[in-house]
């Protein structure tokens, strides 16, 4: 352990700054790769779009591909009069 707390604090800050610089370099390297060859990013975007379309189709298509009553214009709530 150091005798001088100020010196120890500066050393910690220096190490933290160096780690931030390393992380920024790694991020910039990745960004450069994606700019040079965007196909991995486009593939992920296509996958997300396909999943969204399938989810939307499942939500509106009902079970077994049948259109649910709510999508056919029928009321989704049945009101029953009790006298």
PDB file of N, CA and C in Angstrom:
ATOM      1  N   UNK A   1       0.842  -1.183   0.000  1.00  0.00           N
ATOM      2  CA  UNK A   1       0.000   0.000   0.000  1.00  0.00           C
ATOM      3  C   UNK A   1       0.887   1.245   0.000  1.00  0.00           C
ATOM      4  N   UNK A   2       0.409   2.302  -0.617  1.00  0.00           N
ATOM      5  CA  UNK A   2       1.180   3.535  -0.721  1.00  0.00           C
ATOM      6  C   UNK A   2       1.010   4.377   0.538  1.00  0.00           C
ATOM      7  N   UNK A   3       2.041   5.141   0.802  1.00  0.00           N
ATOM      8  CA  UNK A   3       1.976   6.051   1.950  1.00  0.00           C
ATOM      9  C   UNK A   3       1.233   7.335   1.593  1.00  0.00           C
ATOM     10  N   UNK A   4       1.239   7.688   0.326  1.00  0.00           N
ATOM     11  CA  UNK A   4       0.628   8.950  -0.103  1.00  0.00           C
ATOM     12  C   UNK A   4      -0.703   8.662  -0.807  1.00  0.00           C
ATOM     13  N   UNK A   5      -1.839   8.993  -0.181  1.00  0.00           N
ATOM     14  CA  UNK A   5      -3.148   8.718  -0.788  1.00  0.00           C
ATOM     15  C   UNK A   5      -3.359   9.457  -2.116  1.00  0.00           C
ATOM     16  N   UNK A   6      -2.792  10.661  -2.246  1.00  0.00           N
ATOM     17  CA  UNK A   6      -2.953  11.425  -3.485  1.00  0.00           C
ATOM     18  C   UNK A   6      -2.260  10.701  -4.639  1.00  0.00           C
ATOM     19  N   UNK A   7      -1.071  10.181  -4.374  1.00  0.00           N
ATOM     20  CA  UNK A   7      -0.331   9.463  -5.417  1.00  0.00           C
ATOM     21  C   UNK A   7      -1.084   8.193  -5.815  1.00  0.00           C
ATOM     22  N   UNK A   8      -1.650   7.496  -4.845  1.00  0.00           N
ATOM     23  CA  UNK A   8      -2.415   6.284  -5.118  1.00  0.00           C
ATOM     24  C   UNK A   8      -3.653   6.611  -5.961  1.00  0.00           C
ATOM     25  N   UNK A   9      -4.319   7.714  -5.641  1.00  0.00           N
ATOM     26  CA  UNK A   9      -5.498   8.123  -6.399  1.00  0.00           C
ATOM     27  C   UNK A   9      -5.133   8.439  -7.843  1.00  0.00           C
ATOM     28  N   UNK A  10      -4.021   9.121  -8.046  1.00  0.00           N
ATOM     29  CA  UNK A  10      -3.575   9.455  -9.401  1.00  0.00           C
ATOM     30  C   UNK A  10      -3.267   8.181 -10.189  1.00  0.00           C
ATOM     31  N   UNK A  11      -2.616   7.216  -9.546  1.00  0.00           N
ATOM     32  CA  UNK A  11      -2.302   5.954 -10.216  1.00  0.00           C
ATOM     33  C   UNK A  11      -3.579   5.220 -10.646  1.00  0.00           C
ATOM     34  N   UNK A  12      -4.587   5.234  -9.789  1.00  0.00           N
ATOM     35  CA  UNK A  12      -5.862   4.599 -10.140  1.00  0.00           C
ATOM     36  C   UNK A  12      -6.519   5.314 -11.316  1.00  0.00           C
ATOM     37  N   UNK A  13      -6.473   6.635 -11.294  1.00  0.00           N
ATOM     38  CA  UNK A  13      -7.054   7.403 -12.392  1.00  0.00           C
ATOM     39  C   UNK A  13      -6.309   7.152 -13.699  1.00  0.00           C
ATOM     40  N   UNK A  14      -4.981   7.019 -13.615  1.00  0.00           N
ATOM     41  CA  UNK A  14      -4.202   6.726 -14.814  1.00  0.00           C
ATOM     42  C   UNK A  14      -4.589   5.360 -15.393  1.00  0.00           C
ATOM     43  N   UNK A  15      -4.717   4.365 -14.528  1.00  0.00           N
ATOM     44  CA  UNK A  15      -5.101   3.031 -14.992  1.00  0.00           C
ATOM     45  C   UNK A  15      -6.497   3.049 -15.612  1.00  0.00           C
ATOM     46  N   UNK A  16      -7.397   3.783 -14.982  1.00  0.00           N
ATOM     47  CA  UNK A  16      -8.757   3.882 -15.518  1.00  0.00           C
ATOM     48  C   UNK A  16      -8.743   4.571 -16.887  1.00  0.00           C
ATOM     49  N   UNK A  17      -7.963   5.616 -17.020  1.00  0.00           N
ATOM     50  CA  UNK A  17      -7.877   6.331 -18.298  1.00  0.00           C
ATOM     51  C   UNK A  17      -7.309   5.424 -19.383  1.00  0.00           C
ATOM     52  N   UNK A  18      -6.294   4.624 -19.042  1.00  0.00           N
ATOM     53  CA  UNK A  18      -5.716   3.701 -20.016  1.00  0.00           C
ATOM     54  C   UNK A  18      -6.733   2.642 -20.450  1.00  0.00           C
ATOM     55  N   UNK A  19      -7.553   2.167 -19.521  1.00  0.00           N
ATOM     56  CA  UNK A  19      -8.594   1.191 -19.861  1.00  0.00           C
ATOM     57  C   UNK A  19      -9.650   1.809 -20.768  1.00  0.00           C
ATOM     58  N   UNK A  20     -10.006   3.047 -20.515  1.00  0.00           N
ATOM     59  CA  UNK A  20     -10.974   3.741 -21.371  1.00  0.00           C
ATOM     60  C   UNK A  20     -10.408   3.895 -22.780  1.00  0.00           C
ATOM     61  N   UNK A  21      -9.126   4.218 -22.882  1.00  0.00           N
ATOM     62  CA  UNK A  21      -8.478   4.357 -24.194  1.00  0.00           C
ATOM     63  C   UNK A  21      -8.482   3.018 -24.926  1.00  0.00           C
ATOM     64  N   UNK A  22      -8.182   1.926 -24.224  1.00  0.00           N
ATOM     65  CA  UNK A  22      -8.193   0.595 -24.848  1.00  0.00           C
ATOM     66  C   UNK A  22      -9.598   0.245 -25.341  1.00  0.00           C
ATOM     67  N   UNK A  23     -10.594   0.521 -24.523  1.00  0.00           N
ATOM     68  CA  UNK A  23     -11.977   0.219 -24.907  1.00  0.00           C
ATOM     69  C   UNK A  23     -12.396   1.050 -26.122  1.00  0.00           C
ATOM     70  N   UNK A  24     -12.001   2.303 -26.150  1.00  0.00           N
ATOM     71  CA  UNK A  24     -12.336   3.171 -27.276  1.00  0.00           C
ATOM     72  C   UNK A  24     -11.672   2.678 -28.551  1.00  0.00           C
ATOM     73  N   UNK A  25     -10.408   2.245 -28.447  1.00  0.00           N
ATOM     74  CA  UNK A  25      -9.720   1.685 -29.618  1.00  0.00           C
ATOM     75  C   UNK A  25     -10.454   0.459 -30.154  1.00  0.00           C
ATOM     76  N   UNK A  26     -10.857  -0.427 -29.242  1.00  0.00           N
ATOM     77  CA  UNK A  26     -11.562  -1.639 -29.657  1.00  0.00           C
ATOM     78  C   UNK A  26     -12.878  -1.280 -30.347  1.00  0.00           C
ATOM     79  N   UNK A  27     -13.597  -0.312 -29.804  1.00  0.00           N
ATOM     80  CA  UNK A  27     -14.852   0.132 -30.408  1.00  0.00           C
ATOM     81  C   UNK A  27     -14.607   0.732 -31.786  1.00  0.00           C
ATOM     82  N   UNK A  28     -13.582   1.561 -31.920  1.00  0.00           N
ATOM     83  CA  UNK A  28     -13.286   2.179 -33.208  1.00  0.00           C
ATOM     84  C   UNK A  28     -12.834   1.144 -34.235  1.00  0.00           C
ATOM     85  N   UNK A  29     -12.090   0.127 -33.803  1.00  0.00           N
ATOM     86  CA  UNK A  29     -11.692  -0.958 -34.711  1.00  0.00           C
ATOM     87  C   UNK A  29     -12.919  -1.686 -35.235  1.00  0.00           C
ATOM     88  N   UNK A  30     -13.854  -1.966 -34.347  1.00  0.00           N
ATOM     89  CA  UNK A  30     -15.092  -2.630 -34.749  1.00  0.00           C
ATOM     90  C   UNK A  30     -15.889  -1.749 -35.703  1.00  0.00           C
ATOM     91  N   UNK A  31     -15.992  -0.471 -35.389  1.00  0.00           N
ATOM     92  CA  UNK A  31     -16.721   0.459 -36.258  1.00  0.00           C
ATOM     93  C   UNK A  31     -16.069   0.520 -37.638  1.00  0.00           C
ATOM     94  N   UNK A  32     -14.746   0.526 -37.682  1.00  0.00           N
ATOM     95  CA  UNK A  32     -14.042   0.554 -38.962  1.00  0.00           C
ATOM     96  C   UNK A  32     -14.325  -0.721 -39.773  1.00  0.00           C
ATOM     97  N   UNK A  33     -14.346  -1.864 -39.111  1.00  0.00           N
ATOM     98  CA  UNK A  33     -14.655  -3.116 -39.792  1.00  0.00           C
ATOM     99  C   UNK A  33     -16.072  -3.096 -40.361  1.00  0.00           C
ATOM    100  N   UNK A  34     -17.019  -2.576 -39.583  1.00  0.00           N
ATOM    101  CA  UNK A  34     -18.407  -2.524 -40.046  1.00  0.00           C
ATOM    102  C   UNK A  34     -18.594  -1.550 -41.197  1.00  0.00           C
ATOM    103  N   UNK A  35     -17.815  -0.479 -41.213  1.00  0.00           N
ATOM    104  CA  UNK A  35     -17.900   0.464 -42.329  1.00  0.00           C
ATOM    105  C   UNK A  35     -17.285  -0.165 -43.574  1.00  0.00           C
ATOM    106  N   UNK A  36     -16.171  -0.878 -43.398  1.00  0.00           N
ATOM    107  CA  UNK A  36     -15.507  -1.522 -44.532  1.00  0.00           C
ATOM    108  C   UNK A  36     -16.332  -2.675 -45.086  1.00  0.00           C
ATOM    109  N   UNK A  37     -16.960  -3.460 -44.209  1.00  0.00           N
ATOM    110  CA  UNK A  37     -17.767  -4.605 -44.627  1.00  0.00           C
ATOM    111  C   UNK A  37     -19.029  -4.653 -43.773  1.00  0.00           C
ATOM    112  N   UNK A  38     -20.100  -3.989 -44.222  1.00  0.00           N
ATOM    113  CA  UNK A  38     -21.319  -3.923 -43.412  1.00  0.00           C
ATOM    114  C   UNK A  38     -22.185  -5.177 -43.473  1.00  0.00           C
ATOM    115  N   UNK A  39     -21.761  -6.223 -44.185  1.00  0.00           N
ATOM    116  CA  UNK A  39     -22.617  -7.403 -44.345  1.00  0.00           C
ATOM    117  C   UNK A  39     -23.016  -8.057 -43.021  1.00  0.00           C
ATOM    118  N   UNK A  40     -22.136  -8.163 -42.003  1.00  0.00           N
ATOM    119  CA  UNK A  40     -22.616  -8.745 -40.739  1.00  0.00           C
ATOM    120  C   UNK A  40     -23.724  -7.912 -40.096  1.00  0.00           C
ATOM    121  N   UNK A  41     -23.588  -6.612 -40.163  1.00  0.00           N
ATOM    122  CA  UNK A  41     -24.604  -5.728 -39.592  1.00  0.00           C
ATOM    123  C   UNK A  41     -25.907  -5.822 -40.379  1.00  0.00           C
ATOM    124  N   UNK A  42     -25.796  -5.907 -41.695  1.00  0.00           N
ATOM    125  CA  UNK A  42     -26.992  -6.042 -42.523  1.00  0.00           C
ATOM    126  C   UNK A  42     -27.678  -7.378 -42.278  1.00  0.00           C
ATOM    127  N   UNK A  43     -26.890  -8.431 -42.051  1.00  0.00           N
ATOM    128  CA  UNK A  43     -27.474  -9.748 -41.762  1.00  0.00           C
ATOM    129  C   UNK A  43     -28.247  -9.718 -40.444  1.00  0.00           C
ATOM    130  N   UNK A  44     -27.705  -9.045 -39.446  1.00  0.00           N
ATOM    131  CA  UNK A  44     -28.405  -8.925 -38.162  1.00  0.00           C
ATOM    132  C   UNK A  44     -29.686  -8.125 -38.354  1.00  0.00           C
ATOM    133  N   UNK A  45     -29.617  -7.057 -39.118  1.00  0.00           N
ATOM    134  CA  UNK A  45     -30.806  -6.259 -39.387  1.00  0.00           C
ATOM    135  C   UNK A  45     -31.873  -7.061 -40.112  1.00  0.00           C
ATOM    136  N   UNK A  46     -31.461  -7.881 -41.065  1.00  0.00           N
ATOM    137  CA  UNK A  46     -32.399  -8.725 -41.793  1.00  0.00           C
ATOM    138  C   UNK A  46     -33.039  -9.743 -40.858  1.00  0.00           C
ATOM    139  N   UNK A  47     -32.228 -10.337 -39.976  1.00  0.00           N
ATOM    140  CA  UNK A  47     -32.743 -11.309 -39.016  1.00  0.00           C
ATOM    141  C   UNK A  47     -33.782 -10.675 -38.095  1.00  0.00           C
ATOM    142  N   UNK A  48     -33.474  -9.493 -37.591  1.00  0.00           N
ATOM    143  CA  UNK A  48     -34.417  -8.793 -36.711  1.00  0.00           C
ATOM    144  C   UNK A  48     -35.705  -8.462 -37.467  1.00  0.00           C
ATOM    145  N   UNK A  49     -35.577  -8.035 -38.708  1.00  0.00           N
ATOM    146  CA  UNK A  49     -36.763  -7.737 -39.517  1.00  0.00           C
ATOM    147  C   UNK A  49     -37.608  -8.979 -39.769  1.00  0.00           C
ATOM    148  N   UNK A  50     -36.941 -10.106 -40.060  1.00  0.00           N
ATOM    149  CA  UNK A  50     -37.678 -11.354 -40.282  1.00  0.00           C
ATOM    150  C   UNK A  50     -38.408 -11.797 -39.017  1.00  0.00           C
ATOM    151  N   UNK A  51     -37.719 -11.696 -37.887  1.00  0.00           N
ATOM    152  CA  UNK A  51     -38.356 -12.071 -36.616  1.00  0.00           C
ATOM    153  C   UNK A  51     -39.554 -11.168 -36.311  1.00  0.00           C
ATOM    154  N   UNK A  52     -39.415  -9.892 -36.584  1.00  0.00           N
ATOM    155  CA  UNK A  52     -40.524  -8.961 -36.346  1.00  0.00           C
ATOM    156  C   UNK A  52     -41.703  -9.296 -37.248  1.00  0.00           C
ATOM    157  N   UNK A  53     -41.419  -9.622 -38.504  1.00  0.00           N
ATOM    158  CA  UNK A  53     -42.500  -9.975 -39.435  1.00  0.00           C
ATOM    159  C   UNK A  53     -43.193 -11.254 -38.995  1.00  0.00           C
ATOM    160  N   UNK A  54     -42.435 -12.236 -38.550  1.00  0.00           N
ATOM    161  CA  UNK A  54     -43.036 -13.482 -38.079  1.00  0.00           C
ATOM    162  C   UNK A  54     -43.863 -13.255 -36.820  1.00  0.00           C
ATOM    163  N   UNK A  55     -43.366 -12.409 -35.928  1.00  0.00           N
ATOM    164  CA  UNK A  55     -44.122 -12.092 -34.724  1.00  0.00           C
ATOM    165  C   UNK A  55     -45.412 -11.369 -35.045  1.00  0.00           C
ATOM    166  N   UNK A  56     -45.327 -10.448 -35.984  1.00  0.00           N
ATOM    167  CA  UNK A  56     -46.524  -9.705 -36.393  1.00  0.00           C
ATOM    168  C   UNK A  56     -47.528 -10.653 -37.049  1.00  0.00           C
ATOM    169  N   UNK A  57     -47.037 -11.568 -37.889  1.00  0.00           N
ATOM    170  CA  UNK A  57     -47.922 -12.524 -38.551  1.00  0.00           C
ATOM    171  C   UNK A  57     -48.559 -13.456 -37.528  1.00  0.00           C
ATOM    172  N   UNK A  58     -47.791 -13.882 -36.550  1.00  0.00           N
ATOM    173  CA  UNK A  58     -48.347 -14.766 -35.517  1.00  0.00           C
ATOM    174  C   UNK A  58     -49.380 -14.031 -34.676  1.00  0.00           C
ATOM    175  N   UNK A  59     -49.138 -12.755 -34.413  1.00  0.00           N
ATOM    176  CA  UNK A  59     -50.065 -11.989 -33.586  1.00  0.00           C
ATOM    177  C   UNK A  59     -51.361 -11.702 -34.319  1.00  0.00           C
ATOM    178  N   UNK A  60     -51.295 -11.516 -35.612  1.00  0.00           N
ATOM    179  CA  UNK A  60     -52.502 -11.181 -36.363  1.00  0.00           C
ATOM    180  C   UNK A  60     -53.100 -12.382 -37.075  1.00  0.00           C
ATOM    181  N   UNK A  61     -52.329 -13.474 -37.185  1.00  0.00           N
ATOM    182  CA  UNK A  61     -52.805 -14.634 -37.920  1.00  0.00           C
ATOM    183  C   UNK A  61     -53.570 -15.618 -37.075  1.00  0.00           C
ATOM    184  N   UNK A  62     -53.472 -15.520 -35.770  1.00  0.00           N
ATOM    185  CA  UNK A  62     -54.178 -16.441 -34.900  1.00  0.00           C
ATOM    186  C   UNK A  62     -53.569 -17.825 -34.933  1.00  0.00           C
ATOM    187  N   UNK A  63     -54.265 -18.783 -34.330  1.00  0.00           N
ATOM    188  CA  UNK A  63     -53.799 -20.159 -34.263  1.00  0.00           C
ATOM    189  C   UNK A  63     -54.017 -20.844 -35.589  1.00  0.00           C
ATOM    190  N   UNK A  64     -53.012 -21.551 -36.074  1.00  0.00           N
ATOM    191  CA  UNK A  64     -53.149 -22.296 -37.324  1.00  0.00           C
ATOM    192  C   UNK A  64     -53.333 -21.413 -38.538  1.00  0.00           C
ATOM    193  N   UNK A  65     -52.947 -20.160 -38.452  1.00  0.00           N
ATOM    194  CA  UNK A  65     -53.054 -19.254 -39.579  1.00  0.00           C
ATOM    195  C   UNK A  65     -54.448 -18.682 -39.780  1.00  0.00           C
ATOM    196  N   UNK A  66     -55.380 -18.979 -38.885  1.00  0.00           N
ATOM    197  CA  UNK A  66     -56.732 -18.442 -39.001  1.00  0.00           C
ATOM    198  C   UNK A  66     -56.763 -17.037 -38.437  1.00  0.00           C
ATOM    199  N   UNK A  67     -57.548 -16.216 -39.036  1.00  0.00           N
ATOM    200  CA  UNK A  67     -57.669 -14.848 -38.563  1.00  0.00           C
ATOM    201  C   UNK A  67     -58.536 -14.826 -37.309  1.00  0.00           C
ATOM    202  N   UNK A  68     -58.039 -14.241 -36.225  1.00  0.00           N
ATOM    203  CA  UNK A  68     -58.838 -14.180 -35.008  1.00  0.00           C
ATOM    204  C   UNK A  68     -60.048 -13.278 -35.199  1.00  0.00           C
ATOM    205  N   UNK A  69     -61.094 -13.482 -34.392  1.00  0.00           N
ATOM    206  CA  UNK A  69     -62.314 -12.669 -34.538  1.00  0.00           C
ATOM    207  C   UNK A  69     -62.041 -11.176 -34.455  1.00  0.00           C
ATOM    208  N   UNK A  70     -61.109 -10.761 -33.617  1.00  0.00           N
ATOM    209  CA  UNK A  70     -60.842  -9.332 -33.474  1.00  0.00           C
ATOM    210  C   UNK A  70     -60.315  -8.738 -34.774  1.00  0.00           C
ATOM    211  N   UNK A  71     -59.590  -9.536 -35.564  1.00  0.00           N
ATOM    212  CA  UNK A  71     -59.070  -9.034 -36.830  1.00  0.00           C
ATOM    213  C   UNK A  71     -60.129  -9.062 -37.916  1.00  0.00           C
ATOM    214  N   UNK A  72     -61.211  -9.813 -37.709  1.00  0.00           N
ATOM    215  CA  UNK A  72     -62.294  -9.896 -38.687  1.00  0.00           C
ATOM    216  C   UNK A  72     -63.337  -8.807 -38.466  1.00  0.00           C
ATOM    217  N   UNK A  73     -63.156  -7.989 -37.466  1.00  0.00           N
ATOM    218  CA  UNK A  73     -64.099  -6.926 -37.195  1.00  0.00           C
ATOM    219  C   UNK A  73     -65.132  -7.304 -36.156  1.00  0.00           C
ATOM    220  N   UNK A  74     -65.119  -8.532 -35.689  1.00  0.00           N
ATOM    221  CA  UNK A  74     -66.066  -8.962 -34.658  1.00  0.00           C
ATOM    222  C   UNK A  74     -65.617  -8.391 -33.315  1.00  0.00           C
ATOM    223  N   UNK A  75     -66.565  -8.115 -32.431  1.00  0.00           N
ATOM    224  CA  UNK A  75     -66.173  -7.583 -31.122  1.00  0.00           C
ATOM    225  C   UNK A  75     -65.355  -8.608 -30.335  1.00  0.00           C
ATOM    226  N   UNK A  76     -64.428  -8.126 -29.570  1.00  0.00           N
ATOM    227  CA  UNK A  76     -63.588  -9.022 -28.773  1.00  0.00           C
ATOM    228  C   UNK A  76     -64.171  -9.257 -27.390  1.00  0.00           C
ATOM    229  N   UNK A  77     -65.149  -8.447 -27.001  1.00  0.00           N
ATOM    230  CA  UNK A  77     -65.787  -8.597 -25.694  1.00  0.00           C
ATOM    231  C   UNK A  77     -67.272  -8.846 -25.928  1.00  0.00           C
ATOM    232  N   UNK A  78     -67.799  -9.860 -25.284  1.00  0.00           N
ATOM    233  CA  UNK A  78     -69.221 -10.158 -25.426  1.00  0.00           C
ATOM    234  C   UNK A  78     -69.938  -9.584 -24.206  1.00  0.00           C
ATOM    235  N   UNK A  79     -70.895  -8.731 -24.443  1.00  0.00           N
ATOM    236  CA  UNK A  79     -71.660  -8.134 -23.363  1.00  0.00           C
ATOM    237  C   UNK A  79     -72.900  -8.993 -23.106  1.00  0.00           C
ATOM    238  N   UNK A  80     -73.073  -9.443 -21.906  1.00  0.00           N
ATOM    239  CA  UNK A  80     -74.219 -10.290 -21.536  1.00  0.00           C
ATOM    240  C   UNK A  80     -75.076  -9.502 -20.553  1.00  0.00           C
ATOM    241  N   UNK A  81     -76.346  -9.329 -20.905  1.00  0.00           N
ATOM    242  CA  UNK A  81     -77.255  -8.612 -20.008  1.00  0.00           C
ATOM    243  C   UNK A  81     -77.750  -9.561 -18.931  1.00  0.00           C
ATOM    244  N   UNK A  82     -77.697  -9.121 -17.714  1.00  0.00           N
ATOM    245  CA  UNK A  82     -78.202  -9.893 -16.588  1.00  0.00           C
ATOM    246  C   UNK A  82     -79.375  -9.104 -16.010  1.00  0.00           C
ATOM    247  N   UNK A  83     -80.548  -9.755 -15.919  1.00  0.00           N
ATOM    248  CA  UNK A  83     -81.701  -9.023 -15.387  1.00  0.00           C
ATOM    249  C   UNK A  83     -82.146  -9.598 -14.069  1.00  0.00           C
TER     250      UNK A  83
END
